[in-house]
N, C-alpha and C. Protein backbone atom coordinates (compact mmCIF):
# COMPACT_ATOMS: atom_id res chain seq x y z
N MET A 1 14.35 -5.16 92.34
CA MET A 1 14.63 -4.18 91.31
C MET A 1 16.02 -3.60 91.53
N SER A 2 16.74 -3.42 90.46
CA SER A 2 18.09 -2.87 90.52
C SER A 2 18.06 -1.38 90.87
N ARG A 3 19.07 -0.94 91.58
CA ARG A 3 19.18 0.48 91.91
C ARG A 3 19.98 1.24 90.86
N ASP A 4 20.53 0.53 89.90
CA ASP A 4 21.29 1.20 88.85
C ASP A 4 20.37 2.07 88.01
N ILE A 5 20.86 3.25 87.65
CA ILE A 5 20.10 4.10 86.74
C ILE A 5 20.96 4.41 85.53
N PHE A 6 20.27 4.72 84.44
CA PHE A 6 20.94 4.95 83.16
C PHE A 6 20.36 6.20 82.51
N TYR A 7 21.22 6.95 81.89
CA TYR A 7 20.80 8.11 81.11
C TYR A 7 20.57 7.63 79.68
N VAL A 8 19.44 7.98 79.10
CA VAL A 8 19.09 7.51 77.76
C VAL A 8 18.69 8.69 76.88
N ASP A 9 19.26 8.73 75.69
CA ASP A 9 18.83 9.70 74.68
C ASP A 9 18.01 8.92 73.66
N ILE A 10 16.76 9.29 73.50
CA ILE A 10 15.84 8.58 72.61
C ILE A 10 15.55 9.45 71.39
N ARG A 11 15.76 8.89 70.23
CA ARG A 11 15.44 9.56 68.96
C ARG A 11 14.50 8.64 68.19
N TYR A 12 13.62 9.25 67.40
CA TYR A 12 12.67 8.44 66.64
C TYR A 12 12.64 8.90 65.20
N SER A 13 12.71 7.94 64.30
CA SER A 13 12.58 8.19 62.87
C SER A 13 11.28 7.54 62.40
N PRO A 14 10.38 8.30 61.77
CA PRO A 14 9.14 7.69 61.28
C PRO A 14 9.40 6.53 60.31
N ARG A 15 10.48 6.62 59.59
CA ARG A 15 10.79 5.58 58.60
C ARG A 15 11.42 4.34 59.23
N TYR A 16 12.31 4.54 60.21
CA TYR A 16 13.08 3.41 60.74
C TYR A 16 12.70 2.98 62.15
N GLY A 17 12.25 3.89 62.98
CA GLY A 17 11.89 3.52 64.35
C GLY A 17 12.74 4.23 65.39
N GLN A 18 12.84 3.60 66.54
CA GLN A 18 13.49 4.21 67.71
C GLN A 18 14.99 3.90 67.76
N PHE A 19 15.77 4.93 68.03
CA PHE A 19 17.22 4.84 68.21
C PHE A 19 17.52 5.30 69.63
N ILE A 20 18.32 4.54 70.38
CA ILE A 20 18.68 4.98 71.72
C ILE A 20 20.19 4.96 71.93
N THR A 21 20.65 5.90 72.73
CA THR A 21 22.02 5.91 73.23
C THR A 21 21.92 5.87 74.74
N VAL A 22 22.64 4.94 75.35
CA VAL A 22 22.54 4.71 76.80
C VAL A 22 23.90 4.94 77.45
N TYR A 23 23.88 5.64 78.58
CA TYR A 23 25.09 5.89 79.36
C TYR A 23 24.88 5.37 80.78
N ASP A 24 25.84 4.61 81.29
CA ASP A 24 25.83 4.30 82.72
C ASP A 24 25.88 5.62 83.48
N LYS A 25 25.29 5.66 84.65
CA LYS A 25 25.26 6.88 85.46
C LYS A 25 26.67 7.42 85.71
N ASP A 26 27.61 6.55 86.09
CA ASP A 26 28.96 7.02 86.39
C ASP A 26 29.67 7.54 85.14
N VAL A 27 29.41 6.94 83.99
CA VAL A 27 30.01 7.42 82.74
C VAL A 27 29.49 8.82 82.42
N LYS A 28 28.20 9.01 82.49
CA LYS A 28 27.58 10.30 82.16
C LYS A 28 27.99 11.39 83.13
N GLU A 29 28.05 11.08 84.41
CA GLU A 29 28.31 12.10 85.42
C GLU A 29 29.78 12.35 85.69
N ARG A 30 30.65 11.37 85.43
CA ARG A 30 32.05 11.51 85.83
C ARG A 30 33.05 11.60 84.69
N HIS A 31 32.69 11.16 83.52
CA HIS A 31 33.64 11.15 82.40
C HIS A 31 33.48 12.44 81.60
N GLU A 32 34.55 13.20 81.51
CA GLU A 32 34.52 14.53 80.89
C GLU A 32 33.93 14.52 79.48
N VAL A 33 34.24 13.52 78.69
CA VAL A 33 33.77 13.47 77.30
C VAL A 33 32.25 13.35 77.22
N PHE A 34 31.64 12.70 78.18
CA PHE A 34 30.21 12.40 78.12
C PHE A 34 29.33 13.32 78.97
N LYS A 35 29.94 14.18 79.78
CA LYS A 35 29.16 15.05 80.68
C LYS A 35 28.15 15.92 79.95
N ASP A 36 28.50 16.43 78.78
CA ASP A 36 27.63 17.35 78.06
C ASP A 36 26.73 16.67 77.02
N LYS A 37 26.78 15.36 76.95
CA LYS A 37 25.92 14.65 76.00
C LYS A 37 24.46 14.78 76.42
N THR A 38 23.60 14.95 75.44
CA THR A 38 22.18 15.12 75.76
C THR A 38 21.53 13.79 76.13
N TYR A 39 20.48 13.88 76.89
CA TYR A 39 19.67 12.70 77.22
C TYR A 39 18.23 13.16 77.36
N THR A 40 17.32 12.25 77.13
CA THR A 40 15.90 12.59 77.21
C THR A 40 15.20 11.94 78.39
N LYS A 41 15.87 10.95 79.01
CA LYS A 41 15.20 10.19 80.06
C LYS A 41 16.23 9.53 80.97
N ILE A 42 15.88 9.37 82.24
CA ILE A 42 16.67 8.56 83.17
C ILE A 42 15.81 7.35 83.52
N VAL A 43 16.40 6.15 83.38
CA VAL A 43 15.63 4.91 83.55
C VAL A 43 16.34 3.94 84.48
N ASN A 44 15.58 2.97 84.97
CA ASN A 44 16.16 1.87 85.74
C ASN A 44 16.38 0.67 84.81
N LYS A 45 16.86 -0.42 85.36
CA LYS A 45 17.18 -1.60 84.55
C LYS A 45 15.96 -2.14 83.80
N ASP A 46 14.83 -2.26 84.48
CA ASP A 46 13.64 -2.82 83.84
C ASP A 46 13.16 -1.94 82.68
N GLU A 47 13.18 -0.64 82.90
CA GLU A 47 12.79 0.29 81.82
C GLU A 47 13.78 0.22 80.67
N LEU A 48 15.06 0.05 81.00
CA LEU A 48 16.08 -0.04 79.96
C LEU A 48 15.85 -1.26 79.07
N ILE A 49 15.52 -2.38 79.67
CA ILE A 49 15.26 -3.60 78.90
C ILE A 49 14.08 -3.39 77.95
N GLN A 50 13.04 -2.72 78.41
CA GLN A 50 11.90 -2.43 77.54
C GLN A 50 12.31 -1.53 76.37
N LEU A 51 13.17 -0.56 76.64
CA LEU A 51 13.67 0.30 75.55
C LEU A 51 14.48 -0.51 74.55
N PHE A 52 15.30 -1.44 75.03
CA PHE A 52 16.05 -2.32 74.13
C PHE A 52 15.10 -3.02 73.16
N LYS A 53 14.02 -3.57 73.70
CA LYS A 53 13.09 -4.36 72.90
C LYS A 53 12.35 -3.54 71.86
N SER A 54 12.22 -2.25 72.08
CA SER A 54 11.48 -1.40 71.14
C SER A 54 12.38 -0.55 70.24
N SER A 55 13.68 -0.82 70.27
CA SER A 55 14.62 0.02 69.51
C SER A 55 15.23 -0.72 68.33
N ILE A 56 15.45 0.02 67.27
CA ILE A 56 16.10 -0.50 66.07
C ILE A 56 17.62 -0.37 66.16
N SER A 57 18.08 0.62 66.93
CA SER A 57 19.51 0.88 67.10
C SER A 57 19.78 1.22 68.56
N ILE A 58 20.83 0.59 69.11
CA ILE A 58 21.19 0.78 70.51
C ILE A 58 22.69 1.03 70.58
N ILE A 59 23.09 2.13 71.21
CA ILE A 59 24.50 2.40 71.49
C ILE A 59 24.65 2.45 73.00
N LEU A 60 25.57 1.67 73.53
CA LEU A 60 25.74 1.55 74.97
C LEU A 60 27.13 2.03 75.39
N TYR A 61 27.17 2.88 76.40
CA TYR A 61 28.43 3.36 76.97
C TYR A 61 28.47 3.00 78.45
N GLY A 62 29.37 2.11 78.81
CA GLY A 62 29.55 1.75 80.21
C GLY A 62 29.31 0.27 80.47
N LYS A 63 30.03 -0.23 81.44
CA LYS A 63 30.03 -1.66 81.74
C LYS A 63 28.66 -2.19 82.16
N LYS A 64 27.92 -1.44 82.99
CA LYS A 64 26.65 -1.94 83.52
C LYS A 64 25.60 -2.12 82.43
N CYS A 65 25.43 -1.12 81.58
CA CYS A 65 24.41 -1.26 80.53
C CYS A 65 24.82 -2.30 79.50
N ILE A 66 26.13 -2.42 79.26
CA ILE A 66 26.60 -3.46 78.33
C ILE A 66 26.34 -4.85 78.90
N GLU A 67 26.56 -5.03 80.20
CA GLU A 67 26.26 -6.32 80.83
C GLU A 67 24.79 -6.70 80.66
N ILE A 68 23.91 -5.72 80.80
CA ILE A 68 22.48 -5.97 80.59
C ILE A 68 22.23 -6.32 79.13
N GLY A 69 22.85 -5.59 78.21
CA GLY A 69 22.71 -5.87 76.78
C GLY A 69 23.16 -7.27 76.42
N ILE A 70 24.25 -7.72 77.04
CA ILE A 70 24.74 -9.08 76.80
C ILE A 70 23.76 -10.10 77.39
N LYS A 71 23.33 -9.88 78.63
CA LYS A 71 22.41 -10.81 79.29
C LYS A 71 21.10 -10.95 78.52
N GLU A 72 20.62 -9.83 77.96
CA GLU A 72 19.36 -9.84 77.20
C GLU A 72 19.56 -10.24 75.74
N ARG A 73 20.78 -10.58 75.36
CA ARG A 73 21.14 -11.09 74.03
C ARG A 73 21.02 -10.06 72.90
N PHE A 74 21.24 -8.80 73.24
CA PHE A 74 21.30 -7.76 72.22
C PHE A 74 22.75 -7.52 71.80
N ILE A 75 23.68 -7.80 72.68
CA ILE A 75 25.10 -7.55 72.45
C ILE A 75 25.87 -8.86 72.58
N HIS A 76 26.78 -9.09 71.65
CA HIS A 76 27.68 -10.24 71.76
C HIS A 76 28.89 -9.81 72.58
N PRO A 77 29.34 -10.63 73.51
CA PRO A 77 30.48 -10.25 74.36
C PRO A 77 31.74 -9.84 73.58
N ASP A 78 31.95 -10.43 72.42
CA ASP A 78 33.13 -10.09 71.61
C ASP A 78 32.98 -8.78 70.87
N ALA A 79 31.80 -8.18 70.91
CA ALA A 79 31.55 -6.93 70.18
C ALA A 79 31.78 -5.68 71.03
N VAL A 80 32.32 -5.84 72.22
CA VAL A 80 32.55 -4.70 73.11
C VAL A 80 33.93 -4.11 72.81
N ALA A 81 33.95 -2.79 72.64
CA ALA A 81 35.20 -2.08 72.36
C ALA A 81 35.37 -0.98 73.41
N LYS A 82 36.37 -0.13 73.21
CA LYS A 82 36.57 1.01 74.11
C LYS A 82 36.66 2.28 73.29
N GLN A 83 36.04 3.33 73.82
CA GLN A 83 36.11 4.66 73.22
C GLN A 83 36.35 5.63 74.37
N TYR A 84 37.38 6.42 74.26
CA TYR A 84 37.76 7.35 75.33
C TYR A 84 37.93 6.63 76.67
N GLY A 85 38.37 5.40 76.63
CA GLY A 85 38.58 4.63 77.85
C GLY A 85 37.32 4.03 78.46
N VAL A 86 36.20 4.15 77.76
CA VAL A 86 34.91 3.64 78.25
C VAL A 86 34.45 2.50 77.35
N GLU A 87 33.96 1.43 77.95
CA GLU A 87 33.43 0.32 77.15
C GLU A 87 32.23 0.78 76.35
N VAL A 88 32.18 0.35 75.07
CA VAL A 88 31.09 0.74 74.18
C VAL A 88 30.67 -0.47 73.35
N ALA A 89 29.37 -0.55 73.06
CA ALA A 89 28.84 -1.61 72.21
C ALA A 89 27.66 -1.06 71.42
N ILE A 90 27.47 -1.60 70.23
CA ILE A 90 26.40 -1.12 69.35
C ILE A 90 25.58 -2.32 68.86
N TYR A 91 24.27 -2.13 68.85
CA TYR A 91 23.34 -3.13 68.31
C TYR A 91 22.49 -2.45 67.25
N ILE A 92 22.36 -3.08 66.09
CA ILE A 92 21.46 -2.60 65.04
C ILE A 92 20.60 -3.77 64.61
N ASP A 93 19.29 -3.59 64.68
CA ASP A 93 18.35 -4.65 64.30
C ASP A 93 18.18 -4.63 62.79
N THR A 94 18.74 -5.61 62.12
CA THR A 94 18.66 -5.69 60.66
C THR A 94 17.53 -6.59 60.19
N ARG A 95 16.77 -7.15 61.12
CA ARG A 95 15.69 -8.07 60.75
C ARG A 95 14.40 -7.36 60.42
N ARG A 96 14.27 -6.12 60.84
CA ARG A 96 13.04 -5.37 60.56
C ARG A 96 13.07 -4.83 59.15
N SER A 97 11.90 -4.68 58.57
CA SER A 97 11.84 -4.15 57.20
C SER A 97 11.39 -2.71 57.20
């Protein structure tokens, strides 16, 4: 099991489903822009993958969570950008009705 932990903000819409925003631990704790961002849960890699599978929208901040998103085929490697100097990627599931 990975020792990496991630801060996750989970929101739920009865109409659309689960939306998550994920921050690498170092991004959340050390980057001034993200320090005050809310989160609802701290998870490990395995829990994060389960959240990916149950979410309609995923926003990822930080290299570690993006690498997991790419490995699990939620994020395309060419879809990674930078915001405030931090790698960011977004996944939206358009296949659900």
